[in-house]
Amino acid sequence: MTILFFGFFLVFTWLVLKANSRRRIVALVVAGTLVAVLISAPPAQAQASLLAAIQAVLNTINGAIQTALNSINSVRTAISNLHQNLTWPVQLINQAKAQVTQMIGQYRNLMRNILNIDLRSATLANPAALAGC
């Protein structure tokens, strides 16, 4: 482990010396610190406190947050059911669509026949079409 830290320290020092701008030095320091923290193993006491902190977060998520999310989900389901049953009843909408489709089929030919009637007057000596048609 000591050899790993020594190698890391040498590479880090070389990169900082080769850096040609302040921005790059800051980036290297941040990256180096992050790598050093991630490589080094925390002491046993820190591991125990880290596990306790993770367990506390999990307990919070599984407790209060899960209860709140379940409540929100049940409210959303109730609102959805209200819309489907009272506001926009799917069965009645489908029934109305079917009735309109049936009426269109029933009256389509009759309407087409009405629109195709020859509207020229037969009482005049020279029959003429009505104006505007």
C-alpha atoms as a PDB file:
ATOM      1  CA  MET A   1       0.000   0.000   0.000  1.00  0.00           C
ATOM      2  CA  THR A   2       2.889   2.330   0.788  1.00  0.00           C
ATOM      3  CA  ILE A   3       4.407   1.736  -2.659  1.00  0.00           C
ATOM      4  CA  LEU A   4       1.065   2.620  -4.257  1.00  0.00           C
ATOM      5  CA  PHE A   5       0.898   5.920  -2.360  1.00  0.00           C
ATOM      6  CA  PHE A   6       4.522   6.696  -3.201  1.00  0.00           C
ATOM      7  CA  GLY A   7       3.886   6.044  -6.916  1.00  0.00           C
ATOM      8  CA  PHE A   8       0.746   8.154  -6.801  1.00  0.00           C
ATOM      9  CA  PHE A   9       2.660  10.961  -5.088  1.00  0.00           C
ATOM     10  CA  LEU A  10       5.391  10.886  -7.755  1.00  0.00           C
ATOM     11  CA  VAL A  11       2.916  10.946 -10.657  1.00  0.00           C
ATOM     12  CA  PHE A  12       0.889  13.686  -8.993  1.00  0.00           C
ATOM     13  CA  THR A  13       3.999  15.820  -8.373  1.00  0.00           C
ATOM     14  CA  TRP A  14       5.183  15.378 -11.973  1.00  0.00           C
ATOM     15  CA  LEU A  15       1.761  16.379 -13.359  1.00  0.00           C
ATOM     16  CA  VAL A  16       1.592  19.483 -11.144  1.00  0.00           C
ATOM     17  CA  LEU A  17       5.099  20.555 -12.231  1.00  0.00           C
ATOM     18  CA  LYS A  18       4.186  20.077 -15.924  1.00  0.00           C
ATOM     19  CA  ALA A  19       0.919  22.025 -15.599  1.00  0.00           C
ATOM     20  CA  ASN A  20       1.105  25.313 -17.475  1.00  0.00           C
ATOM     21  CA  SER A  21      -1.964  27.104 -16.174  1.00  0.00           C
ATOM     22  CA  ARG A  22      -3.601  27.788 -12.872  1.00  0.00           C
ATOM     23  CA  ARG A  23      -6.804  26.122 -14.024  1.00  0.00           C
ATOM     24  CA  ARG A  24      -4.973  22.866 -14.766  1.00  0.00           C
ATOM     25  CA  ILE A  25      -3.245  22.934 -11.355  1.00  0.00           C
ATOM     26  CA  VAL A  26      -6.596  23.346  -9.608  1.00  0.00           C
ATOM     27  CA  ALA A  27      -8.062  20.481 -11.665  1.00  0.00           C
ATOM     28  CA  LEU A  28      -5.098  18.248 -10.798  1.00  0.00           C
ATOM     29  CA  VAL A  29      -5.323  19.049  -7.091  1.00  0.00           C
ATOM     30  CA  VAL A  30      -9.046  18.259  -7.033  1.00  0.00           C
ATOM     31  CA  ALA A  31      -8.577  15.047  -9.039  1.00  0.00           C
ATOM     32  CA  GLY A  32      -5.579  14.008  -6.927  1.00  0.00           C
ATOM     33  CA  THR A  33      -7.430  14.561  -3.690  1.00  0.00           C
ATOM     34  CA  LEU A  34     -10.405  12.594  -4.974  1.00  0.00           C
ATOM     35  CA  VAL A  35      -8.211   9.693  -6.087  1.00  0.00           C
ATOM     36  CA  ALA A  36      -6.326   9.675  -2.751  1.00  0.00           C
ATOM     37  CA  VAL A  37      -9.573   9.542  -0.808  1.00  0.00           C
ATOM     38  CA  LEU A  38     -11.020   6.792  -2.993  1.00  0.00           C
ATOM     39  CA  ILE A  39      -7.860   4.652  -2.912  1.00  0.00           C
ATOM     40  CA  SER A  40      -7.218   4.829   0.810  1.00  0.00           C
ATOM     41  CA  ALA A  41      -9.225   2.496   2.988  1.00  0.00           C
ATOM     42  CA  PRO A  42     -11.036   4.248   5.816  1.00  0.00           C
ATOM     43  CA  PRO A  43     -10.237   3.196   9.364  1.00  0.00           C
ATOM     44  CA  ALA A  44     -12.457   0.605  11.016  1.00  0.00           C
ATOM     45  CA  GLN A  45     -14.260   3.232  13.103  1.00  0.00           C
ATOM     46  CA  ALA A  46     -15.026   5.267   9.975  1.00  0.00           C
ATOM     47  CA  GLN A  47     -16.287   2.145   8.213  1.00  0.00           C
ATOM     48  CA  ALA A  48     -18.663   1.442  11.082  1.00  0.00           C
ATOM     49  CA  SER A  49     -19.963   5.010  11.098  1.00  0.00           C
ATOM     50  CA  LEU A  50     -20.275   4.915   7.295  1.00  0.00           C
ATOM     51  CA  LEU A  51     -22.322   1.731   7.509  1.00  0.00           C
ATOM     52  CA  ALA A  52     -24.469   3.275  10.239  1.00  0.00           C
ATOM     53  CA  ALA A  53     -25.041   6.361   8.081  1.00  0.00           C
ATOM     54  CA  ILE A  54     -25.986   4.226   5.075  1.00  0.00           C
ATOM     55  CA  GLN A  55     -28.351   2.191   7.257  1.00  0.00           C
ATOM     56  CA  ALA A  56     -29.954   5.388   8.582  1.00  0.00           C
ATOM     57  CA  VAL A  57     -30.512   6.620   5.013  1.00  0.00           C
ATOM     58  CA  LEU A  58     -32.019   3.277   4.010  1.00  0.00           C
ATOM     59  CA  ASN A  59     -34.287   3.299   7.063  1.00  0.00           C
ATOM     60  CA  THR A  60     -35.476   6.798   6.161  1.00  0.00           C
ATOM     61  CA  ILE A  61     -36.132   5.778   2.552  1.00  0.00           C
ATOM     62  CA  ASN A  62     -37.960   2.607   3.569  1.00  0.00           C
ATOM     63  CA  GLY A  63     -39.885   4.380   6.332  1.00  0.00           C
ATOM     64  CA  ALA A  64     -41.194   7.900   5.867  1.00  0.00           C
ATOM     65  CA  ILE A  65     -40.387   8.330   2.173  1.00  0.00           C
ATOM     66  CA  GLN A  66     -41.938   5.003   1.175  1.00  0.00           C
ATOM     67  CA  THR A  67     -45.070   5.814   3.184  1.00  0.00           C
ATOM     68  CA  ALA A  68     -45.361   9.200   1.504  1.00  0.00           C
ATOM     69  CA  LEU A  69     -44.849   7.693  -1.958  1.00  0.00           C
ATOM     70  CA  ASN A  70     -47.462   5.020  -1.272  1.00  0.00           C
ATOM     71  CA  SER A  71     -49.916   7.718  -0.183  1.00  0.00           C
ATOM     72  CA  ILE A  72     -49.222   9.757  -3.323  1.00  0.00           C
ATOM     73  CA  ASN A  73     -49.700   6.664  -5.474  1.00  0.00           C
ATOM     74  CA  SER A  74     -53.032   5.827  -3.833  1.00  0.00           C
ATOM     75  CA  VAL A  75     -54.267   9.405  -4.370  1.00  0.00           C
ATOM     76  CA  ARG A  76     -53.227   9.261  -8.041  1.00  0.00           C
ATOM     77  CA  THR A  77     -55.069   5.953  -8.429  1.00  0.00           C
ATOM     78  CA  ALA A  78     -58.204   7.400  -6.809  1.00  0.00           C
ATOM     79  CA  ILE A  79     -58.128  10.438  -9.103  1.00  0.00           C
ATOM     80  CA  SER A  80     -57.624   8.216 -12.142  1.00  0.00           C
ATOM     81  CA  ASN A  81     -60.576   6.044 -11.116  1.00  0.00           C
ATOM     82  CA  LEU A  82     -62.710   9.143 -10.559  1.00  0.00           C
ATOM     83  CA  HIS A  83     -61.935  10.386 -14.070  1.00  0.00           C
ATOM     84  CA  GLN A  84     -62.597   6.985 -15.643  1.00  0.00           C
ATOM     85  CA  ASN A  85     -65.836   6.406 -13.760  1.00  0.00           C
ATOM     86  CA  LEU A  86     -67.451   9.840 -13.451  1.00  0.00           C
ATOM     87  CA  THR A  87     -65.760  12.484 -15.571  1.00  0.00           C
ATOM     88  CA  TRP A  88     -64.903  10.470 -18.682  1.00  0.00           C
ATOM     89  CA  PRO A  89     -66.664   7.095 -18.392  1.00  0.00           C
ATOM     90  CA  VAL A  90     -65.006   4.919 -21.031  1.00  0.00           C
ATOM     91  CA  GLN A  91     -67.962   2.585 -21.436  1.00  0.00           C
ATOM     92  CA  LEU A  92     -70.393   5.435 -22.165  1.00  0.00           C
ATOM     93  CA  ILE A  93     -67.951   7.094 -24.557  1.00  0.00           C
ATOM     94  CA  ASN A  94     -67.553   3.834 -26.489  1.00  0.00           C
ATOM     95  CA  GLN A  95     -71.331   3.386 -26.509  1.00  0.00           C
ATOM     96  CA  ALA A  96     -71.797   6.887 -27.944  1.00  0.00           C
ATOM     97  CA  LYS A  97     -69.141   6.243 -30.611  1.00  0.00           C
ATOM     98  CA  ALA A  98     -70.885   3.024 -31.622  1.00  0.00           C
ATOM     99  CA  GLN A  99     -74.252   4.785 -31.825  1.00  0.00           C
ATOM    100  CA  VAL A 100     -72.829   7.579 -34.006  1.00  0.00           C
ATOM    101  CA  THR A 101     -71.152   5.031 -36.283  1.00  0.00           C
ATOM    102  CA  GLN A 102     -74.438   3.137 -36.579  1.00  0.00           C
ATOM    103  CA  MET A 103     -76.346   6.348 -37.401  1.00  0.00           C
ATOM    104  CA  ILE A 104     -73.809   7.325 -40.037  1.00  0.00           C
ATOM    105  CA  GLY A 105     -74.212   3.933 -41.681  1.00  0.00           C
ATOM    106  CA  GLN A 106     -77.997   4.173 -41.502  1.00  0.00           C
ATOM    107  CA  TYR A 107     -78.345   7.666 -42.995  1.00  0.00           C
ATOM    108  CA  ARG A 108     -75.321   7.952 -45.330  1.00  0.00           C
ATOM    109  CA  ASN A 109     -77.092   6.722 -48.473  1.00  0.00           C
ATOM    110  CA  LEU A 110     -80.234   8.760 -47.746  1.00  0.00           C
ATOM    111  CA  MET A 111     -78.197  11.954 -47.371  1.00  0.00           C
ATOM    112  CA  ARG A 112     -76.216  11.162 -50.515  1.00  0.00           C
ATOM    113  CA  ASN A 113     -79.483  10.664 -52.424  1.00  0.00           C
ATOM    114  CA  ILE A 114     -80.832  14.011 -51.161  1.00  0.00           C
ATOM    115  CA  LEU A 115     -77.668  15.789 -52.276  1.00  0.00           C
ATOM    116  CA  ASN A 116     -77.865  14.169 -55.732  1.00  0.00           C
ATOM    117  CA  ILE A 117     -81.465  15.279 -56.481  1.00  0.00           C
ATOM    118  CA  ASP A 118     -81.762  17.245 -59.718  1.00  0.00           C
ATOM    119  CA  LEU A 119     -83.056  20.650 -58.634  1.00  0.00           C
ATOM    120  CA  ARG A 120     -84.144  21.986 -62.034  1.00  0.00           C
ATOM    121  CA  SER A 121     -87.743  23.152 -62.180  1.00  0.00           C
ATOM    122  CA  ALA A 122     -90.042  21.003 -64.344  1.00  0.00           C
ATOM    123  CA  THR A 123     -92.867  23.576 -64.497  1.00  0.00           C
ATOM    124  CA  LEU A 124     -91.078  26.019 -66.772  1.00  0.00           C
ATOM    125  CA  ALA A 125     -91.030  25.668 -70.539  1.00  0.00           C
ATOM    126  CA  ASN A 126     -87.231  25.612 -70.435  1.00  0.00           C
ATOM    127  CA  PRO A 127     -86.155  23.993 -67.130  1.00  0.00           C
ATOM    128  CA  ALA A 128     -83.211  25.772 -65.480  1.00  0.00           C
ATOM    129  CA  ALA A 129     -81.115  25.027 -62.415  1.00  0.00           C
ATOM    130  CA  LEU A 130     -81.803  27.066 -59.298  1.00  0.00           C
ATOM    131  CA  ALA A 131     -79.396  29.929 -58.644  1.00  0.00           C
ATOM    132  CA  GLY A 132     -76.471  29.171 -56.377  1.00  0.00           C
ATOM    133  CA  CYS A 133     -76.445  25.424 -56.936  1.00  0.00           C
END
